[in-house]
Amino acid sequence: MATENGRSAPGRRPRAAAGSGETIYNRIAMLRAERNVSRRQLAEALGVHYQTVGYLERGEYSPSLHLALRIARYFEVPVEVVFSTEPFPRIGQ
């Protein structure tokens, strides 16, 4: 379970928001690759553990609204460019 600052509690795997049942899709990995930013660099900029970035990218953890907005601000894009409740179309389709 994640703490308020987005860090995982010791020994626990993050998961989607409790009770929501909805998957939050994201483009974090793609945005990082485009900008040549490592998970660790992004995590340091956001003030979260680098593993949290991995959990987010794999959809194992849904970010708080605050964290989602900070991620979008970091990449200088609207939050809808990073996160969606619908799967993003594959590139080239």
C-alpha atoms as a PDB file:
ATOM      1  CA  MET A   1       0.000   0.000   0.000  1.00  0.00           C
ATOM      2  CA  ALA A   2       1.320   3.443  -0.823  1.00  0.00           C
ATOM      3  CA  THR A   3       1.768   6.156   1.724  1.00  0.00           C
ATOM      4  CA  GLU A   4       0.667   9.773   1.293  1.00  0.00           C
ATOM      5  CA  ASN A   5       3.924  10.691  -0.443  1.00  0.00           C
ATOM      6  CA  GLY A   6       3.514   7.878  -2.988  1.00  0.00           C
ATOM      7  CA  ARG A   7       6.055   5.587  -1.354  1.00  0.00           C
ATOM      8  CA  SER A   8       5.237   1.958  -0.735  1.00  0.00           C
ATOM      9  CA  ALA A   9       4.987   0.626   2.777  1.00  0.00           C
ATOM     10  CA  PRO A  10       7.802  -1.852   3.515  1.00  0.00           C
ATOM     11  CA  GLY A  11       7.041  -5.375   2.330  1.00  0.00           C
ATOM     12  CA  ARG A  12       3.861  -4.457   0.475  1.00  0.00           C
ATOM     13  CA  ARG A  13       3.194  -4.336  -3.250  1.00  0.00           C
ATOM     14  CA  PRO A  14       1.211  -1.337  -4.474  1.00  0.00           C
ATOM     15  CA  ARG A  15      -2.087  -1.957  -6.206  1.00  0.00           C
ATOM     16  CA  ALA A  16      -4.866  -0.036  -7.881  1.00  0.00           C
ATOM     17  CA  ALA A  17      -6.971   2.239  -5.727  1.00  0.00           C
ATOM     18  CA  ALA A  18      -8.995   0.161  -3.290  1.00  0.00           C
ATOM     19  CA  GLY A  19     -12.573  -0.436  -4.330  1.00  0.00           C
ATOM     20  CA  SER A  20     -12.268   1.434  -7.615  1.00  0.00           C
ATOM     21  CA  GLY A  21     -11.975  -1.633  -9.836  1.00  0.00           C
ATOM     22  CA  GLU A  22     -10.895   0.662 -12.671  1.00  0.00           C
ATOM     23  CA  THR A  23      -7.566   0.491 -14.394  1.00  0.00           C
ATOM     24  CA  ILE A  24      -5.704   3.734 -14.939  1.00  0.00           C
ATOM     25  CA  TYR A  25      -3.630   3.587 -18.121  1.00  0.00           C
ATOM     26  CA  ASN A  26      -0.563   5.772 -18.509  1.00  0.00           C
ATOM     27  CA  ARG A  27       2.176   6.837 -20.874  1.00  0.00           C
ATOM     28  CA  ILE A  28       4.870   7.426 -18.274  1.00  0.00           C
ATOM     29  CA  ALA A  29       7.347   4.975 -19.818  1.00  0.00           C
ATOM     30  CA  MET A  30       6.875   6.467 -23.281  1.00  0.00           C
ATOM     31  CA  LEU A  31       7.313  10.038 -21.989  1.00  0.00           C
ATOM     32  CA  ARG A  32      10.427   9.024 -20.054  1.00  0.00           C
ATOM     33  CA  ALA A  33      11.907   7.331 -23.132  1.00  0.00           C
ATOM     34  CA  GLU A  34      11.176  10.333 -25.364  1.00  0.00           C
ATOM     35  CA  ARG A  35      12.951  12.621 -22.915  1.00  0.00           C
ATOM     36  CA  ASN A  36      15.724  10.199 -21.966  1.00  0.00           C
ATOM     37  CA  VAL A  37      14.757  10.282 -18.268  1.00  0.00           C
ATOM     38  CA  SER A  38      15.443   7.281 -16.023  1.00  0.00           C
ATOM     39  CA  ARG A  39      12.977   5.980 -13.462  1.00  0.00           C
ATOM     40  CA  ARG A  40      15.333   7.144 -10.745  1.00  0.00           C
ATOM     41  CA  GLN A  41      15.579  10.675 -12.200  1.00  0.00           C
ATOM     42  CA  LEU A  42      11.797  10.963 -12.437  1.00  0.00           C
ATOM     43  CA  ALA A  43      11.343   9.583  -8.923  1.00  0.00           C
ATOM     44  CA  GLU A  44      13.839  12.067  -7.480  1.00  0.00           C
ATOM     45  CA  ALA A  45      12.101  14.961  -9.233  1.00  0.00           C
ATOM     46  CA  LEU A  46       8.726  13.824  -7.866  1.00  0.00           C
ATOM     47  CA  GLY A  47       9.967  12.940  -4.392  1.00  0.00           C
ATOM     48  CA  VAL A  48       8.907   9.281  -4.586  1.00  0.00           C
ATOM     49  CA  HIS A  49      10.812   5.999  -4.514  1.00  0.00           C
ATOM     50  CA  TYR A  50      12.053   4.860  -7.934  1.00  0.00           C
ATOM     51  CA  GLN A  51      10.106   1.596  -7.565  1.00  0.00           C
ATOM     52  CA  THR A  52       6.899   3.632  -7.354  1.00  0.00           C
ATOM     53  CA  VAL A  53       7.560   4.856 -10.893  1.00  0.00           C
ATOM     54  CA  GLY A  54       7.858   1.229 -12.029  1.00  0.00           C
ATOM     55  CA  TYR A  55       4.615   0.286 -10.264  1.00  0.00           C
ATOM     56  CA  LEU A  56       2.873   3.216 -11.947  1.00  0.00           C
ATOM     57  CA  GLU A  57       4.215   2.324 -15.393  1.00  0.00           C
ATOM     58  CA  ARG A  58       3.069  -1.291 -15.068  1.00  0.00           C
ATOM     59  CA  GLY A  59      -0.370  -0.284 -13.809  1.00  0.00           C
ATOM     60  CA  GLU A  60       0.211  -1.959 -10.448  1.00  0.00           C
ATOM     61  CA  TYR A  61      -0.480   1.290  -8.619  1.00  0.00           C
ATOM     62  CA  SER A  62      -2.844   4.157  -9.419  1.00  0.00           C
ATOM     63  CA  PRO A  63      -1.473   7.560  -8.462  1.00  0.00           C
ATOM     64  CA  SER A  64      -3.208  10.040  -6.232  1.00  0.00           C
ATOM     65  CA  LEU A  65      -4.570  13.078  -8.038  1.00  0.00           C
ATOM     66  CA  HIS A  66      -1.754  15.121  -6.540  1.00  0.00           C
ATOM     67  CA  LEU A  67       0.925  12.750  -7.866  1.00  0.00           C
ATOM     68  CA  ALA A  68      -0.759  12.505 -11.286  1.00  0.00           C
ATOM     69  CA  LEU A  69      -0.756  16.297 -11.599  1.00  0.00           C
ATOM     70  CA  ARG A  70       2.900  16.493 -10.522  1.00  0.00           C
ATOM     71  CA  ILE A  71       3.851  13.900 -13.156  1.00  0.00           C
ATOM     72  CA  ALA A  72       2.004  15.844 -15.869  1.00  0.00           C
ATOM     73  CA  ARG A  73       3.658  19.082 -14.746  1.00  0.00           C
ATOM     74  CA  TYR A  74       7.088  17.406 -14.820  1.00  0.00           C
ATOM     75  CA  PHE A  75       6.553  16.403 -18.457  1.00  0.00           C
ATOM     76  CA  GLU A  76       4.892  19.774 -19.239  1.00  0.00           C
ATOM     77  CA  VAL A  77       1.768  18.160 -20.699  1.00  0.00           C
ATOM     78  CA  PRO A  78      -1.919  18.036 -19.693  1.00  0.00           C
ATOM     79  CA  VAL A  79      -2.730  15.214 -17.288  1.00  0.00           C
ATOM     80  CA  GLU A  80      -4.886  13.588 -20.006  1.00  0.00           C
ATOM     81  CA  VAL A  81      -1.757  13.072 -22.113  1.00  0.00           C
ATOM     82  CA  VAL A  82      -0.254  10.943 -19.320  1.00  0.00           C
ATOM     83  CA  PHE A  83      -3.284   9.184 -17.798  1.00  0.00           C
ATOM     84  CA  SER A  84      -6.542   7.725 -19.086  1.00  0.00           C
ATOM     85  CA  THR A  85      -9.323   5.388 -18.009  1.00  0.00           C
ATOM     86  CA  GLU A  86      -9.298   3.966 -21.565  1.00  0.00           C
ATOM     87  CA  PRO A  87      -6.313   2.192 -23.139  1.00  0.00           C
ATOM     88  CA  PHE A  88      -4.197   4.482 -25.288  1.00  0.00           C
ATOM     89  CA  PRO A  89      -4.140   3.608 -29.008  1.00  0.00           C
ATOM     90  CA  ARG A  90      -0.969   1.887 -30.131  1.00  0.00           C
ATOM     91  CA  ILE A  91       1.504   4.138 -31.881  1.00  0.00           C
ATOM     92  CA  GLY A  92       1.096   3.955 -35.663  1.00  0.00           C
ATOM     93  CA  GLN A  93      -2.572   2.999 -35.583  1.00  0.00           C
END
